[in-house]
Amino acid sequence: MVQQTFPDVAEASDGAPIWESMFGRITDFLRGVVLPDEQHAPIRITSTGDSVLDGDDPSPMGRLGRLIPRLLLVLAVALLVAAIALFGFHAAYADKVYPAIAVGDVSVGGMTVEQAVATVEQRAAEFERGTVTFTYNGQTWTPTLAELGASIDVESSVDAAWELGRDESAVDRLGFTRQLLRSDQRVPLRTTVDLTVLAGWFEQVNADIDQRAVNADMVVDGTEGSISPEKSGIIVDEDAATELILGALESLEPVSTEMPTTTEVPKIF
């Protein structure tokens, strides 16, 4: 008696494994639906018994019907590629500042927060040692920005740079990525000014100018008395000078200008 044997994997009539044959048929079917062409389009039997390609419609609507699936496929592939690229981009910079970002005039793109802080601290130290030059009536003052009470908040500035592009909204993140592709992004150095220190420096300058207002006063000479008249003076225009100093902080450019002054009115007439 002859024992019948079976192969380990079922085969189709052409010798290929059945799962391969089924997969091929499914692939051919999907290709024929999404990308109909003369080779893979389904066959339709006409009323006369003739077989024709089901997608073979020469009319404009027929051509449009064949074109739309192709366009949808291209769009789907493009969206998939864009999503993968965007995911990879954000993953690569998970612990780094995104590229093409600067804090003030310091490029920090691609750096970790620690590296960016160290780099910006060096620039901040140079900046705070920078001077502002004021002149008035033959006198010149060249205080450093630190002497004027100015300082740079390095950590806050770097944190602002790191936060760029990390919005919760995916739409906002995508919009920021488009901005990076168009141009570099700049975060201003976050500076502060101690107004008490600045007011003290203004007082020093007023003393150097030495043209303070004089109040009217009673002068007694023996049995006679007289009144010394008041006299207007000249002092630093603190609002205008402060604006110039803040402008230097914002632009990171040195300032050399005439000291703005204003008239000081006596308090007693």
Protein backbone atom coordinates (compact mmCIF):
# COMPACT_ATOMS: atom_id res chain seq x y z
CA MET A 1 0.00 0.00 0.00
CA VAL A 2 1.40 3.33 -1.01
CA GLN A 3 1.25 6.03 1.69
CA GLN A 4 0.28 9.46 0.40
CA THR A 5 2.57 12.32 1.52
CA PHE A 6 1.95 16.08 1.73
CA PRO A 7 4.45 18.93 1.49
CA ASP A 8 5.12 21.04 4.60
CA VAL A 9 3.83 24.14 2.81
CA ALA A 10 0.84 24.02 0.53
CA GLU A 11 1.65 24.93 -3.02
CA ALA A 12 -0.37 26.49 -5.80
CA SER A 13 -0.66 24.90 -9.18
CA ASP A 14 2.42 26.79 -10.42
CA GLY A 15 4.58 25.39 -7.61
CA ALA A 16 4.71 28.57 -5.50
CA PRO A 17 3.53 28.52 -1.87
CA ILE A 18 -0.17 29.32 -1.60
CA TRP A 19 0.41 32.34 0.67
CA GLU A 20 2.69 33.87 -1.95
CA SER A 21 0.11 33.27 -4.64
CA MET A 22 -2.66 34.83 -2.51
CA PHE A 23 -0.49 37.83 -1.66
CA GLY A 24 0.33 38.32 -5.32
CA ARG A 25 -3.32 38.23 -6.27
CA ILE A 26 -4.22 40.77 -3.57
CA THR A 27 -1.38 43.01 -4.69
CA ASP A 28 -2.48 42.80 -8.30
CA PHE A 29 -6.04 43.63 -7.31
CA LEU A 30 -5.06 46.67 -5.24
CA ARG A 31 -2.72 47.87 -7.97
CA GLY A 32 -5.50 47.55 -10.48
CA VAL A 33 -7.86 49.58 -8.27
CA VAL A 34 -5.45 52.34 -7.24
CA LEU A 35 -3.35 52.50 -10.40
CA PRO A 36 -5.50 51.22 -13.20
CA ASP A 37 -3.59 50.64 -16.38
CA GLU A 38 -3.78 48.46 -19.40
CA GLN A 39 -1.95 45.59 -17.73
CA HIS A 40 -3.69 45.46 -14.37
CA ALA A 41 -7.10 47.05 -14.93
CA PRO A 42 -10.08 44.70 -14.23
CA ILE A 43 -11.76 43.10 -17.27
CA ARG A 44 -15.37 43.98 -18.07
CA ILE A 45 -17.59 41.90 -20.38
CA THR A 46 -19.76 43.96 -22.71
CA SER A 47 -23.32 43.11 -23.71
CA THR A 48 -21.99 41.77 -27.01
CA GLY A 49 -19.72 39.33 -25.22
CA ASP A 50 -16.50 41.23 -25.88
CA SER A 51 -13.99 41.70 -23.08
CA VAL A 52 -12.66 45.22 -22.55
CA LEU A 53 -10.56 46.95 -19.94
CA ASP A 54 -12.86 48.24 -17.22
CA GLY A 55 -10.84 51.45 -16.85
CA ASP A 56 -10.53 52.07 -20.56
CA ASP A 57 -12.74 55.16 -20.74
CA PRO A 58 -11.39 57.83 -23.12
CA SER A 59 -13.81 60.49 -21.88
CA PRO A 60 -12.54 63.40 -19.67
CA MET A 61 -14.35 61.94 -16.68
CA GLY A 62 -12.74 58.61 -17.31
CA ARG A 63 -9.28 60.10 -17.47
CA LEU A 64 -10.02 62.07 -14.29
CA GLY A 65 -11.17 58.90 -12.59
CA ARG A 66 -7.86 57.24 -13.42
CA LEU A 67 -5.84 60.30 -12.34
CA ILE A 68 -7.41 60.93 -8.93
CA PRO A 69 -6.24 57.65 -7.32
CA ARG A 70 -2.71 58.31 -8.51
CA LEU A 71 -2.76 61.80 -7.04
CA LEU A 72 -4.17 60.53 -3.75
CA LEU A 73 -1.43 57.91 -3.57
CA VAL A 74 1.30 60.49 -4.23
CA LEU A 75 -0.21 62.78 -1.58
CA ALA A 76 -0.40 59.97 0.95
CA VAL A 77 3.21 58.98 0.35
CA ALA A 78 4.34 62.62 0.60
CA LEU A 79 2.49 63.09 3.90
CA LEU A 80 3.99 59.88 5.26
CA VAL A 81 7.52 60.92 4.29
CA ALA A 82 6.99 64.39 5.80
CA ALA A 83 5.65 62.91 9.04
CA ILE A 84 8.61 60.54 9.33
CA ALA A 85 11.09 63.35 8.61
CA LEU A 86 9.43 65.67 11.12
CA PHE A 87 9.42 62.98 13.79
CA GLY A 88 13.09 62.23 13.16
CA PHE A 89 13.96 65.94 13.28
CA HIS A 90 12.30 66.46 16.66
CA ALA A 91 13.75 63.22 18.03
CA ALA A 92 17.28 64.23 17.00
CA TYR A 93 16.96 67.51 18.95
CA ALA A 94 15.06 66.17 21.96
CA ASP A 95 17.75 67.45 24.36
CA LYS A 96 19.23 70.19 22.16
CA VAL A 97 18.30 73.64 20.94
CA TYR A 98 16.89 73.43 17.43
CA PRO A 99 19.26 74.51 14.62
CA ALA A 100 19.44 78.06 13.26
CA ILE A 101 18.59 79.63 16.64
CA ALA A 102 20.65 82.37 18.28
CA VAL A 103 20.54 84.11 21.65
CA GLY A 104 21.39 87.70 20.92
CA ASP A 105 24.32 87.42 18.53
CA VAL A 106 25.39 83.99 19.81
CA SER A 107 24.44 80.93 17.76
CA VAL A 108 23.29 78.11 20.04
CA GLY A 109 21.62 75.82 17.50
CA GLY A 110 22.42 72.14 18.06
CA MET A 111 23.75 72.73 21.60
CA THR A 112 22.49 71.19 24.81
CA VAL A 113 21.15 73.63 27.38
CA GLU A 114 24.36 73.31 29.41
CA GLN A 115 26.53 74.02 26.37
CA ALA A 116 24.38 76.97 25.37
CA VAL A 117 24.52 78.46 28.89
CA ALA A 118 28.31 78.21 28.95
CA THR A 119 28.61 79.84 25.53
CA VAL A 120 26.17 82.67 26.27
CA GLU A 121 27.82 83.32 29.67
CA GLN A 122 31.08 84.13 27.90
CA ARG A 123 29.31 86.62 25.64
CA ALA A 124 27.41 88.08 28.60
CA ALA A 125 30.65 88.69 30.50
CA GLU A 126 32.13 90.50 27.49
CA PHE A 127 28.96 92.50 27.07
CA GLU A 128 28.77 93.61 30.69
CA ARG A 129 32.37 94.81 30.45
CA GLY A 130 31.43 96.91 27.44
CA THR A 131 31.23 100.65 27.94
CA VAL A 132 28.81 103.44 27.15
CA THR A 133 30.39 106.82 26.37
CA PHE A 134 28.68 110.10 27.30
CA THR A 135 30.12 113.57 26.82
CA TYR A 136 29.01 116.99 28.05
CA ASN A 137 30.73 120.36 28.09
CA GLY A 138 34.23 118.92 27.71
CA GLN A 139 33.68 116.07 30.17
CA THR A 140 33.53 112.39 29.25
CA TRP A 141 32.13 109.41 31.13
CA THR A 142 32.73 105.80 30.03
CA PRO A 143 31.00 103.52 32.54
CA THR A 144 30.71 99.79 31.92
CA LEU A 145 27.25 98.39 31.58
CA ALA A 146 27.78 96.58 34.88
CA GLU A 147 28.56 99.94 36.55
CA LEU A 148 25.23 101.20 35.22
CA GLY A 149 23.45 98.31 36.93
CA ALA A 150 22.91 96.24 33.79
CA SER A 151 23.13 92.44 33.87
CA ILE A 152 22.13 89.57 31.58
CA ASP A 153 19.88 86.74 32.68
CA VAL A 154 21.71 83.96 30.83
CA GLU A 155 19.62 81.00 31.98
CA SER A 156 16.33 82.69 31.16
CA SER A 157 17.63 83.66 27.71
CA VAL A 158 18.78 80.10 26.92
CA ASP A 159 15.54 78.61 28.24
CA ALA A 160 13.61 80.85 25.85
CA ALA A 161 15.76 79.59 22.96
CA TRP A 162 15.26 75.95 23.95
CA GLU A 163 11.49 76.39 24.19
CA LEU A 164 11.24 77.54 20.56
CA GLY A 165 9.47 74.91 18.49
CA ARG A 166 8.32 72.84 21.49
CA ASP A 167 4.71 73.94 21.54
CA GLU A 168 2.07 71.46 22.64
CA SER A 169 0.20 71.88 19.36
CA ALA A 170 1.51 69.78 16.47
CA VAL A 171 0.34 72.48 14.07
CA ASP A 172 2.43 75.09 15.90
CA ARG A 173 5.47 72.80 15.84
CA LEU A 174 5.06 72.29 12.11
CA GLY A 175 4.71 76.04 11.60
CA PHE A 176 7.92 76.68 13.53
CA THR A 177 9.76 74.10 11.43
CA ARG A 178 8.71 75.98 8.30
CA GLN A 179 10.03 79.21 9.86
CA LEU A 180 13.41 77.55 10.50
CA LEU A 181 13.60 76.53 6.85
CA ARG A 182 13.00 80.14 5.77
CA SER A 183 15.27 82.04 8.17
CA ASP A 184 17.27 81.90 11.39
CA GLN A 185 15.42 82.55 14.63
CA ARG A 186 16.77 84.98 17.25
CA VAL A 187 15.97 85.26 20.93
CA PRO A 188 17.03 88.57 22.51
CA LEU A 189 19.33 88.55 25.50
CA ARG A 190 17.17 89.08 28.54
CA THR A 191 18.70 91.98 30.43
CA THR A 192 17.83 93.74 33.65
CA VAL A 193 18.86 97.11 35.02
CA ASP A 194 19.14 97.85 38.71
CA LEU A 195 17.53 101.29 38.80
CA THR A 196 19.04 102.04 42.22
CA VAL A 197 22.56 101.54 40.87
CA LEU A 198 21.72 103.59 37.78
CA ALA A 199 20.28 106.46 39.86
CA GLY A 200 23.46 106.50 41.93
CA TRP A 201 25.57 106.86 38.79
CA PHE A 202 23.37 109.74 37.58
CA GLU A 203 23.94 111.52 40.89
CA GLN A 204 27.68 111.15 40.42
CA VAL A 205 27.43 112.70 36.95
CA ASN A 206 25.32 115.57 38.31
CA ALA A 207 28.04 116.24 40.85
CA ASP A 208 30.65 116.28 38.07
CA ILE A 209 28.58 118.74 36.02
CA ASP A 210 28.20 120.85 39.17
CA GLN A 211 25.39 123.04 37.92
CA ARG A 212 22.61 122.18 40.36
CA ALA A 213 19.72 124.55 40.88
CA VAL A 214 19.99 127.05 43.76
CA ASN A 215 16.97 127.89 45.89
CA ALA A 216 16.12 131.44 46.90
CA ASP A 217 17.41 132.17 50.41
CA MET A 218 17.38 134.83 53.10
CA VAL A 219 20.78 136.34 53.77
CA VAL A 220 21.31 138.28 57.05
CA ASP A 221 24.30 140.62 57.32
CA GLY A 222 24.36 142.25 60.73
CA THR A 223 21.17 144.18 61.07
CA GLU A 224 20.39 144.03 57.40
CA GLY A 225 18.79 141.21 55.47
CA SER A 226 18.45 140.42 51.83
CA ILE A 227 17.20 137.63 49.64
CA SER A 228 19.52 135.76 47.32
CA PRO A 229 17.61 134.89 44.19
CA GLU A 230 16.98 131.38 42.97
CA LYS A 231 18.96 129.99 40.08
CA SER A 232 18.04 127.22 37.63
CA GLY A 233 20.52 124.41 37.10
CA ILE A 234 21.41 121.65 34.63
CA ILE A 235 21.21 117.96 35.47
CA VAL A 236 21.15 114.66 33.60
CA ASP A 237 17.91 113.92 31.78
CA GLU A 238 17.57 110.53 33.42
CA ASP A 239 14.67 109.31 31.28
CA ALA A 240 16.47 110.06 28.01
CA ALA A 241 19.78 108.66 29.26
CA THR A 242 18.07 105.49 30.50
CA GLU A 243 16.45 105.03 27.08
CA LEU A 244 19.87 105.25 25.41
CA ILE A 245 21.29 102.68 27.81
CA LEU A 246 18.40 100.29 27.25
CA GLY A 247 18.86 100.73 23.50
CA ALA A 248 22.48 99.66 23.85
CA LEU A 249 21.37 96.58 25.78
CA GLU A 250 18.86 95.63 23.10
CA SER A 251 21.05 96.26 20.06
CA LEU A 252 24.27 94.91 21.62
CA GLU A 253 26.01 97.85 20.02
CA PRO A 254 28.25 100.38 21.81
CA VAL A 255 26.85 103.84 22.46
CA SER A 256 28.83 107.08 22.21
CA THR A 257 26.72 110.20 22.45
CA GLU A 258 26.15 113.54 24.11
CA MET A 259 24.84 113.27 27.64
CA PRO A 260 21.17 114.30 27.56
CA THR A 261 20.50 117.04 30.09
CA THR A 262 17.53 119.00 31.32
CA THR A 263 16.88 122.12 33.37
CA GLU A 264 16.56 121.70 37.12
CA VAL A 265 14.05 124.14 38.58
CA PRO A 266 14.66 125.54 42.09
CA LYS A 267 12.25 124.35 44.75
CA ILE A 268 12.12 127.72 46.54
CA PHE A 269 11.58 130.97 44.65
